[in-house]
Each structure stands twice: as C-alpha cells, then as structure tokens.
Amino acid sequence: MPYIKQEARDELMKLHIAIADTPIENAGELNFIITQLMMSYLRTHQIWGYQQINDVVGALECAKTEFQRRVVTPYEIEKCEENGDVY
C-alpha cells in the first residue's frame, strides 16, 4: 500500500470522492478509469521515457499485489473454510 503523507492523501481523496460518486458497473469501465489515471500520470511528465512507463507498471503491480493480499487472500481463505479445501 502506498503509505503516503496525510497531506497528499487528503488532496488525492478529492479525486477519489469524485470517482466514487460515479458507479463503475463493469470491468471495461474499471479499465477505462485506471487507464485514464495512468495517462494523467504520464501527461504530468512531458517526456515519456522508460522511467515514467516503469513507474506506471510498478504502481499497477504493487496495487495488484496489495489487492491480492488484502482482499483476494482473505476471501479465498473464507471460502476454503466454508466449502473445504480442494487439495
């Protein structure tokens, strides 16, 4: 999880609140929002080089890993306990 300073969180929460007020109804819409955020990051850097592209890929990987750890793994453990292990 990107444990950024509280001041930065407060500012970025304004963006989150604007997005959260709009229902995202399917994977295509979720992909669109994520893509727009990535492009916004790249537009902030006028030159798109390896570093900026790597920054985006790294942020996506870390977000995926954190989502896996915080959401997917507990869900899978719960379902395994509920339904029994398959191994």
PDB file of N, CA and C in Angstrom:
ATOM      1  N   MET A   1       0.845  -1.178   0.000  1.00  0.00           N
ATOM      2  CA  MET A   1       0.000   0.000   0.000  1.00  0.00           C
ATOM      3  C   MET A   1       0.883   1.231   0.000  1.00  0.00           C
ATOM      4  N   PRO A   2       0.528   2.205  -0.778  1.00  0.00           N
ATOM      5  CA  PRO A   2       1.335   3.437  -0.824  1.00  0.00           C
ATOM      6  C   PRO A   2       1.030   4.311   0.392  1.00  0.00           C
ATOM      7  N   TYR A   3       1.816   4.135   1.417  1.00  0.00           N
ATOM      8  CA  TYR A   3       1.595   4.905   2.640  1.00  0.00           C
ATOM      9  C   TYR A   3       2.204   6.290   2.471  1.00  0.00           C
ATOM     10  N   ILE A   4       1.457   7.146   1.797  1.00  0.00           N
ATOM     11  CA  ILE A   4       1.924   8.498   1.501  1.00  0.00           C
ATOM     12  C   ILE A   4       1.531   9.428   2.650  1.00  0.00           C
ATOM     13  N   LYS A   5       2.145  10.591   2.679  1.00  0.00           N
ATOM     14  CA  LYS A   5       1.882  11.562   3.737  1.00  0.00           C
ATOM     15  C   LYS A   5       0.403  11.951   3.763  1.00  0.00           C
ATOM     16  N   GLN A   6      -0.097  12.271   4.949  1.00  0.00           N
ATOM     17  CA  GLN A   6      -1.513  12.581   5.138  1.00  0.00           C
ATOM     18  C   GLN A   6      -1.955  13.749   4.258  1.00  0.00           C
ATOM     19  N   GLU A   7      -1.096  14.761   4.100  1.00  0.00           N
ATOM     20  CA  GLU A   7      -1.468  15.922   3.276  1.00  0.00           C
ATOM     21  C   GLU A   7      -1.743  15.491   1.830  1.00  0.00           C
ATOM     22  N   ALA A   8      -0.901  14.599   1.313  1.00  0.00           N
ATOM     23  CA  ALA A   8      -1.098  14.113  -0.058  1.00  0.00           C
ATOM     24  C   ALA A   8      -2.356  13.266  -0.132  1.00  0.00           C
ATOM     25  N   ARG A   9      -2.609  12.458   0.885  1.00  0.00           N
ATOM     26  CA  ARG A   9      -3.836  11.649   0.912  1.00  0.00           C
ATOM     27  C   ARG A   9      -5.072  12.529   0.875  1.00  0.00           C
ATOM     28  N   ASP A  10      -5.051  13.580   1.707  1.00  0.00           N
ATOM     29  CA  ASP A  10      -6.207  14.476   1.765  1.00  0.00           C
ATOM     30  C   ASP A  10      -6.505  15.074   0.394  1.00  0.00           C
ATOM     31  N   GLU A  11      -5.461  15.481  -0.300  1.00  0.00           N
ATOM     32  CA  GLU A  11      -5.638  16.080  -1.631  1.00  0.00           C
ATOM     33  C   GLU A  11      -6.148  15.047  -2.637  1.00  0.00           C
ATOM     34  N   LEU A  12      -5.556  13.863  -2.626  1.00  0.00           N
ATOM     35  CA  LEU A  12      -5.952  12.824  -3.574  1.00  0.00           C
ATOM     36  C   LEU A  12      -7.333  12.252  -3.267  1.00  0.00           C
ATOM     37  N   MET A  13      -7.775  12.354  -2.018  1.00  0.00           N
ATOM     38  CA  MET A  13      -9.110  11.870  -1.664  1.00  0.00           C
ATOM     39  C   MET A  13     -10.192  12.657  -2.396  1.00  0.00           C
ATOM     40  N   LYS A  14      -9.917  13.908  -2.739  1.00  0.00           N
ATOM     41  CA  LYS A  14     -10.884  14.695  -3.514  1.00  0.00           C
ATOM     42  C   LYS A  14     -11.143  14.021  -4.857  1.00  0.00           C
ATOM     43  N   LEU A  15     -10.090  13.547  -5.495  1.00  0.00           N
ATOM     44  CA  LEU A  15     -10.225  12.828  -6.763  1.00  0.00           C
ATOM     45  C   LEU A  15     -10.983  11.527  -6.536  1.00  0.00           C
ATOM     46  N   HIS A  16     -10.622  10.804  -5.492  1.00  0.00           N
ATOM     47  CA  HIS A  16     -11.288   9.542  -5.190  1.00  0.00           C
ATOM     48  C   HIS A  16     -12.784   9.744  -4.966  1.00  0.00           C
ATOM     49  N   ILE A  17     -13.153  10.777  -4.212  1.00  0.00           N
ATOM     50  CA  ILE A  17     -14.563  11.032  -3.924  1.00  0.00           C
ATOM     51  C   ILE A  17     -15.324  11.314  -5.214  1.00  0.00           C
ATOM     52  N   ALA A  18     -14.729  12.071  -6.124  1.00  0.00           N
ATOM     53  CA  ALA A  18     -15.388  12.356  -7.400  1.00  0.00           C
ATOM     54  C   ALA A  18     -15.616  11.076  -8.198  1.00  0.00           C
ATOM     55  N   ILE A  19     -14.627  10.190  -8.182  1.00  0.00           N
ATOM     56  CA  ILE A  19     -14.761   8.919  -8.903  1.00  0.00           C
ATOM     57  C   ILE A  19     -15.747   8.007  -8.185  1.00  0.00           C
ATOM     58  N   ALA A  20     -15.667   7.962  -6.857  1.00  0.00           N
ATOM     59  CA  ALA A  20     -16.504   7.042  -6.081  1.00  0.00           C
ATOM     60  C   ALA A  20     -17.988   7.375  -6.192  1.00  0.00           C
ATOM     61  N   ASP A  21     -18.312   8.618  -6.487  1.00  0.00           N
ATOM     62  CA  ASP A  21     -19.716   9.008  -6.635  1.00  0.00           C
ATOM     63  C   ASP A  21     -20.318   8.534  -7.948  1.00  0.00           C
ATOM     64  N   THR A  22     -19.489   8.038  -8.852  1.00  0.00           N
ATOM     65  CA  THR A  22     -19.957   7.521 -10.130  1.00  0.00           C
ATOM     66  C   THR A  22     -19.839   6.007 -10.120  1.00  0.00           C
ATOM     67  N   PRO A  23     -20.959   5.293 -10.268  1.00  0.00           N
ATOM     68  CA  PRO A  23     -20.875   3.833 -10.252  1.00  0.00           C
ATOM     69  C   PRO A  23     -20.024   3.303 -11.411  1.00  0.00           C
ATOM     70  N   ILE A  24     -19.135   2.386 -11.107  1.00  0.00           N
ATOM     71  CA  ILE A  24     -18.353   1.688 -12.123  1.00  0.00           C
ATOM     72  C   ILE A  24     -18.981   0.306 -12.221  1.00  0.00           C
ATOM     73  N   GLU A  25     -19.635   0.030 -13.348  1.00  0.00           N
ATOM     74  CA  GLU A  25     -20.528  -1.123 -13.415  1.00  0.00           C
ATOM     75  C   GLU A  25     -19.931  -2.378 -14.023  1.00  0.00           C
ATOM     76  N   ASN A  26     -18.776  -2.269 -14.683  1.00  0.00           N
ATOM     77  CA  ASN A  26     -18.203  -3.477 -15.284  1.00  0.00           C
ATOM     78  C   ASN A  26     -16.693  -3.314 -15.432  1.00  0.00           C
ATOM     79  N   ALA A  27     -16.049  -4.403 -15.818  1.00  0.00           N
ATOM     80  CA  ALA A  27     -14.582  -4.403 -15.922  1.00  0.00           C
ATOM     81  C   ALA A  27     -14.086  -3.420 -16.973  1.00  0.00           C
ATOM     82  N   GLY A  28     -14.842  -3.231 -18.039  1.00  0.00           N
ATOM     83  CA  GLY A  28     -14.437  -2.277 -19.066  1.00  0.00           C
ATOM     84  C   GLY A  28     -14.386  -0.860 -18.524  1.00  0.00           C
ATOM     85  N   GLU A  29     -15.385  -0.494 -17.726  1.00  0.00           N
ATOM     86  CA  GLU A  29     -15.397   0.839 -17.135  1.00  0.00           C
ATOM     87  C   GLU A  29     -14.278   0.995 -16.103  1.00  0.00           C
ATOM     88  N   LEU A  30     -14.024  -0.052 -15.339  1.00  0.00           N
ATOM     89  CA  LEU A  30     -12.919  -0.020 -14.383  1.00  0.00           C
ATOM     90  C   LEU A  30     -11.588   0.157 -15.113  1.00  0.00           C
ATOM     91  N   ASN A  31     -11.404  -0.584 -16.198  1.00  0.00           N
ATOM     92  CA  ASN A  31     -10.193  -0.476 -17.011  1.00  0.00           C
ATOM     93  C   ASN A  31     -10.046   0.943 -17.563  1.00  0.00           C
ATOM     94  N   PHE A  32     -11.146   1.522 -18.011  1.00  0.00           N
ATOM     95  CA  PHE A  32     -11.116   2.881 -18.557  1.00  0.00           C
ATOM     96  C   PHE A  32     -10.623   3.875 -17.513  1.00  0.00           C
ATOM     97  N   ILE A  33     -11.172   3.792 -16.293  1.00  0.00           N
ATOM     98  CA  ILE A  33     -10.779   4.718 -15.225  1.00  0.00           C
ATOM     99  C   ILE A  33      -9.301   4.545 -14.887  1.00  0.00           C
ATOM    100  N   ILE A  34      -8.867   3.305 -14.768  1.00  0.00           N
ATOM    101  CA  ILE A  34      -7.459   3.045 -14.447  1.00  0.00           C
ATOM    102  C   ILE A  34      -6.560   3.591 -15.559  1.00  0.00           C
ATOM    103  N   THR A  35      -6.946   3.359 -16.807  1.00  0.00           N
ATOM    104  CA  THR A  35      -6.164   3.854 -17.942  1.00  0.00           C
ATOM    105  C   THR A  35      -6.083   5.375 -17.929  1.00  0.00           C
ATOM    106  N   GLN A  36      -7.195   6.032 -17.625  1.00  0.00           N
ATOM    107  CA  GLN A  36      -7.184   7.491 -17.568  1.00  0.00           C
ATOM    108  C   GLN A  36      -6.249   7.999 -16.475  1.00  0.00           C
ATOM    109  N   LEU A  37      -6.225   7.315 -15.339  1.00  0.00           N
ATOM    110  CA  LEU A  37      -5.299   7.702 -14.269  1.00  0.00           C
ATOM    111  C   LEU A  37      -3.843   7.529 -14.707  1.00  0.00           C
ATOM    112  N   MET A  38      -3.567   6.421 -15.392  1.00  0.00           N
ATOM    113  CA  MET A  38      -2.201   6.198 -15.879  1.00  0.00           C
ATOM    114  C   MET A  38      -1.803   7.282 -16.875  1.00  0.00           C
ATOM    115  N   MET A  39      -2.708   7.619 -17.784  1.00  0.00           N
ATOM    116  CA  MET A  39      -2.396   8.629 -18.788  1.00  0.00           C
ATOM    117  C   MET A  39      -2.226  10.005 -18.144  1.00  0.00           C
ATOM    118  N   SER A  40      -2.993  10.267 -17.106  1.00  0.00           N
ATOM    119  CA  SER A  40      -2.854  11.526 -16.383  1.00  0.00           C
ATOM    120  C   SER A  40      -1.461  11.623 -15.759  1.00  0.00           C
ATOM    121  N   TYR A  41      -0.999  10.510 -15.188  1.00  0.00           N
ATOM    122  CA  TYR A  41       0.349  10.488 -14.628  1.00  0.00           C
ATOM    123  C   TYR A  41       1.388  10.764 -15.721  1.00  0.00           C
ATOM    124  N   LEU A  42       1.223  10.099 -16.853  1.00  0.00           N
ATOM    125  CA  LEU A  42       2.203  10.289 -17.935  1.00  0.00           C
ATOM    126  C   LEU A  42       2.156  11.712 -18.484  1.00  0.00           C
ATOM    127  N   ARG A  43       0.968  12.304 -18.558  1.00  0.00           N
ATOM    128  CA  ARG A  43       0.864  13.681 -19.059  1.00  0.00           C
ATOM    129  C   ARG A  43       1.567  14.673 -18.134  1.00  0.00           C
ATOM    130  N   THR A  44       1.664  14.325 -16.837  1.00  0.00           N
ATOM    131  CA  THR A  44       2.347  15.220 -15.901  1.00  0.00           C
ATOM    132  C   THR A  44       3.826  15.317 -16.226  1.00  0.00           C
ATOM    133  N   HIS A  45       4.342  14.265 -16.836  1.00  0.00           N
ATOM    134  CA  HIS A  45       5.745  14.238 -17.256  1.00  0.00           C
ATOM    135  C   HIS A  45       5.754  14.434 -18.762  1.00  0.00           C
ATOM    136  N   GLN A  46       6.306  15.525 -19.200  1.00  0.00           N
ATOM    137  CA  GLN A  46       6.212  15.859 -20.615  1.00  0.00           C
ATOM    138  C   GLN A  46       6.983  14.896 -21.505  1.00  0.00           C
ATOM    139  N   ILE A  47       7.994  14.271 -20.954  1.00  0.00           N
ATOM    140  CA  ILE A  47       8.750  13.279 -21.717  1.00  0.00           C
ATOM    141  C   ILE A  47       8.387  11.911 -21.171  1.00  0.00           C
ATOM    142  N   TRP A  48       7.924  11.044 -22.037  1.00  0.00           N
ATOM    143  CA  TRP A  48       7.607   9.677 -21.624  1.00  0.00           C
ATOM    144  C   TRP A  48       8.796   8.809 -21.950  1.00  0.00           C
ATOM    145  N   GLY A  49       9.512   8.452 -20.950  1.00  0.00           N
ATOM    146  CA  GLY A  49      10.642   7.566 -21.143  1.00  0.00           C
ATOM    147  C   GLY A  49      10.444   6.294 -20.351  1.00  0.00           C
ATOM    148  N   TYR A  50      11.490   5.508 -20.327  1.00  0.00           N
ATOM    149  CA  TYR A  50      11.438   4.233 -19.624  1.00  0.00           C
ATOM    150  C   TYR A  50      11.015   4.435 -18.173  1.00  0.00           C
ATOM    151  N   GLN A  51      11.571   5.448 -17.506  1.00  0.00           N
ATOM    152  CA  GLN A  51      11.286   5.655 -16.084  1.00  0.00           C
ATOM    153  C   GLN A  51       9.804   5.883 -15.828  1.00  0.00           C
ATOM    154  N   GLN A  52       9.169   6.750 -16.615  1.00  0.00           N
ATOM    155  CA  GLN A  52       7.761   7.055 -16.399  1.00  0.00           C
ATOM    156  C   GLN A  52       6.876   5.840 -16.689  1.00  0.00           C
ATOM    157  N   ILE A  53       7.208   5.134 -17.753  1.00  0.00           N
ATOM    158  CA  ILE A  53       6.442   3.930 -18.090  1.00  0.00           C
ATOM    159  C   ILE A  53       6.650   2.876 -17.006  1.00  0.00           C
ATOM    160  N   ASN A  54       7.880   2.732 -16.539  1.00  0.00           N
ATOM    161  CA  ASN A  54       8.180   1.792 -15.467  1.00  0.00           C
ATOM    162  C   ASN A  54       7.466   2.178 -14.175  1.00  0.00           C
ATOM    163  N   ASP A  55       7.358   3.474 -13.912  1.00  0.00           N
ATOM    164  CA  ASP A  55       6.625   3.944 -12.732  1.00  0.00           C
ATOM    165  C   ASP A  55       5.174   3.462 -12.774  1.00  0.00           C
ATOM    166  N   VAL A  56       4.540   3.577 -13.930  1.00  0.00           N
ATOM    167  CA  VAL A  56       3.142   3.161 -14.075  1.00  0.00           C
ATOM    168  C   VAL A  56       3.015   1.653 -13.880  1.00  0.00           C
ATOM    169  N   VAL A  57       3.861   0.901 -14.550  1.00  0.00           N
ATOM    170  CA  VAL A  57       3.804  -0.557 -14.439  1.00  0.00           C
ATOM    171  C   VAL A  57       4.070  -0.980 -12.991  1.00  0.00           C
ATOM    172  N   GLY A  58       5.028  -0.349 -12.347  1.00  0.00           N
ATOM    173  CA  GLY A  58       5.342  -0.672 -10.961  1.00  0.00           C
ATOM    174  C   GLY A  58       4.180  -0.362 -10.031  1.00  0.00           C
ATOM    175  N   ALA A  59       3.533   0.779 -10.234  1.00  0.00           N
ATOM    176  CA  ALA A  59       2.384   1.141  -9.397  1.00  0.00           C
ATOM    177  C   ALA A  59       1.246   0.147  -9.594  1.00  0.00           C
ATOM    178  N   LEU A  60       1.018  -0.270 -10.837  1.00  0.00           N
ATOM    179  CA  LEU A  60      -0.034  -1.261 -11.101  1.00  0.00           C
ATOM    180  C   LEU A  60       0.287  -2.595 -10.428  1.00  0.00           C
ATOM    181  N   GLU A  61       1.529  -3.033 -10.532  1.00  0.00           N
ATOM    182  CA  GLU A  61       1.937  -4.301  -9.911  1.00  0.00           C
ATOM    183  C   GLU A  61       1.781  -4.245  -8.400  1.00  0.00           C
ATOM    184  N   CYS A  62       2.222  -3.148  -7.803  1.00  0.00           N
ATOM    185  CA  CYS A  62       2.113  -3.028  -6.348  1.00  0.00           C
ATOM    186  C   CYS A  62       0.660  -2.936  -5.907  1.00  0.00           C
ATOM    187  N   ALA A  63      -0.171  -2.219  -6.660  1.00  0.00           N
ATOM    188  CA  ALA A  63      -1.596  -2.146  -6.338  1.00  0.00           C
ATOM    189  C   ALA A  63      -2.231  -3.523  -6.451  1.00  0.00           C
ATOM    190  N   LYS A  64      -1.855  -4.272  -7.481  1.00  0.00           N
ATOM    191  CA  LYS A  64      -2.376  -5.626  -7.661  1.00  0.00           C
ATOM    192  C   LYS A  64      -1.954  -6.519  -6.501  1.00  0.00           C
ATOM    193  N   THR A  65      -0.703  -6.441  -6.117  1.00  0.00           N
ATOM    194  CA  THR A  65      -0.185  -7.266  -5.031  1.00  0.00           C
ATOM    195  C   THR A  65      -0.894  -6.930  -3.716  1.00  0.00           C
ATOM    196  N   GLU A  66      -1.085  -5.655  -3.451  1.00  0.00           N
ATOM    197  CA  GLU A  66      -1.765  -5.236  -2.225  1.00  0.00           C
ATOM    198  C   GLU A  66      -3.233  -5.668  -2.232  1.00  0.00           C
ATOM    199  N   PHE A  67      -3.892  -5.577  -3.376  1.00  0.00           N
ATOM    200  CA  PHE A  67      -5.278  -6.027  -3.506  1.00  0.00           C
ATOM    201  C   PHE A  67      -5.365  -7.530  -3.259  1.00  0.00           C
ATOM    202  N   GLN A  68      -4.407  -8.242  -3.801  1.00  0.00           N
ATOM    203  CA  GLN A  68      -4.345  -9.701  -3.602  1.00  0.00           C
ATOM    204  C   GLN A  68      -4.202 -10.012  -2.107  1.00  0.00           C
ATOM    205  N   ARG A  69      -3.308  -9.299  -1.441  1.00  0.00           N
ATOM    206  CA  ARG A  69      -3.032  -9.554  -0.026  1.00  0.00           C
ATOM    207  C   ARG A  69      -4.201  -9.171   0.872  1.00  0.00           C
ATOM    208  N   ARG A  70      -4.827  -8.027   0.584  1.00  0.00           N
ATOM    209  CA  ARG A  70      -5.852  -7.504   1.480  1.00  0.00           C
ATOM    210  C   ARG A  70      -7.261  -7.984   1.162  1.00  0.00           C
ATOM    211  N   VAL A  71      -7.541  -8.308  -0.101  1.00  0.00           N
ATOM    212  CA  VAL A  71      -8.912  -8.647  -0.499  1.00  0.00           C
ATOM    213  C   VAL A  71      -9.032 -10.097  -0.949  1.00  0.00           C
ATOM    214  N   VAL A  72      -8.214 -10.504  -1.920  1.00  0.00           N
ATOM    215  CA  VAL A  72      -8.365 -11.825  -2.521  1.00  0.00           C
ATOM    216  C   VAL A  72      -8.012 -12.937  -1.535  1.00  0.00           C
ATOM    217  N   THR A  73      -6.868 -12.831  -0.879  1.00  0.00           N
ATOM    218  CA  THR A  73      -6.436 -13.899   0.033  1.00  0.00           C
ATOM    219  C   THR A  73      -7.435 -14.130   1.170  1.00  0.00           C
ATOM    220  N   PRO A  74      -7.904 -13.083   1.870  1.00  0.00           N
ATOM    221  CA  PRO A  74      -8.904 -13.335   2.911  1.00  0.00           C
ATOM    222  C   PRO A  74     -10.191 -13.965   2.356  1.00  0.00           C
ATOM    223  N   TYR A  75     -10.601 -13.536   1.164  1.00  0.00           N
ATOM    224  CA  TYR A  75     -11.791 -14.121   0.536  1.00  0.00           C
ATOM    225  C   TYR A  75     -11.581 -15.610   0.266  1.00  0.00           C
ATOM    226  N   GLU A  76     -10.429 -15.944  -0.302  1.00  0.00           N
ATOM    227  CA  GLU A  76     -10.132 -17.346  -0.617  1.00  0.00           C
ATOM    228  C   GLU A  76     -10.050 -18.199   0.650  1.00  0.00           C
ATOM    229  N   ILE A  77      -9.455 -17.663   1.707  1.00  0.00           N
ATOM    230  CA  ILE A  77      -9.377 -18.394   2.970  1.00  0.00           C
ATOM    231  C   ILE A  77     -10.781 -18.646   3.516  1.00  0.00           C
ATOM    232  N   GLU A  78     -11.613 -17.629   3.474  1.00  0.00           N
ATOM    233  CA  GLU A  78     -13.000 -17.769   3.946  1.00  0.00           C
ATOM    234  C   GLU A  78     -13.737 -18.848   3.161  1.00  0.00           C
ATOM    235  N   LYS A  79     -13.604 -18.832   1.840  1.00  0.00           N
ATOM    236  CA  LYS A  79     -14.304 -19.820   1.003  1.00  0.00           C
ATOM    237  C   LYS A  79     -13.741 -21.214   1.204  1.00  0.00           C
ATOM    238  N   CYS A  80     -12.447 -21.320   1.427  1.00  0.00           N
ATOM    239  CA  CYS A  80     -11.837 -22.625   1.695  1.00  0.00           C
ATOM    240  C   CYS A  80     -12.384 -23.196   2.994  1.00  0.00           C
ATOM    241  N   GLU A  81     -12.478 -22.368   4.013  1.00  0.00           N
ATOM    242  CA  GLU A  81     -13.017 -22.826   5.292  1.00  0.00           C
ATOM    243  C   GLU A  81     -14.498 -23.173   5.177  1.00  0.00           C
ATOM    244  N   GLU A  82     -15.224 -22.392   4.380  1.00  0.00           N
ATOM    245  CA  GLU A  82     -16.660 -22.593   4.203  1.00  0.00           C
ATOM    246  C   GLU A  82     -16.970 -23.877   3.406  1.00  0.00           C
ATOM    247  N   ASN A  83     -16.207 -24.108   2.342  1.00  0.00           N
ATOM    248  CA  ASN A  83     -16.512 -25.191   1.399  1.00  0.00           C
ATOM    249  C   ASN A  83     -15.552 -26.360   1.444  1.00  0.00           C
ATOM    250  N   GLY A  84     -14.468 -26.218   2.168  1.00  0.00           N
ATOM    251  CA  GLY A  84     -13.480 -27.290   2.218  1.00  0.00           C
ATOM    252  C   GLY A  84     -12.387 -27.079   1.188  1.00  0.00           C
ATOM    253  N   ASP A  85     -11.202 -27.540   1.521  1.00  0.00           N
ATOM    254  CA  ASP A  85     -10.042 -27.397   0.654  1.00  0.00           C
ATOM    255  C   ASP A  85     -10.146 -28.363  -0.533  1.00  0.00           C
ATOM    256  N   VAL A  86      -9.601 -27.974  -1.649  1.00  0.00           N
ATOM    257  CA  VAL A  86      -9.664 -28.849  -2.838  1.00  0.00           C
ATOM    258  C   VAL A  86      -8.374 -29.640  -3.010  1.00  0.00           C
ATOM    259  N   TYR A  87      -7.370 -29.370  -2.217  1.00  0.00           N
ATOM    260  CA  TYR A  87      -6.089 -30.077  -2.379  1.00  0.00           C
ATOM    261  C   TYR A  87      -5.972 -31.233  -1.420  1.00  0.00           C
TER     262      TYR A  87
END
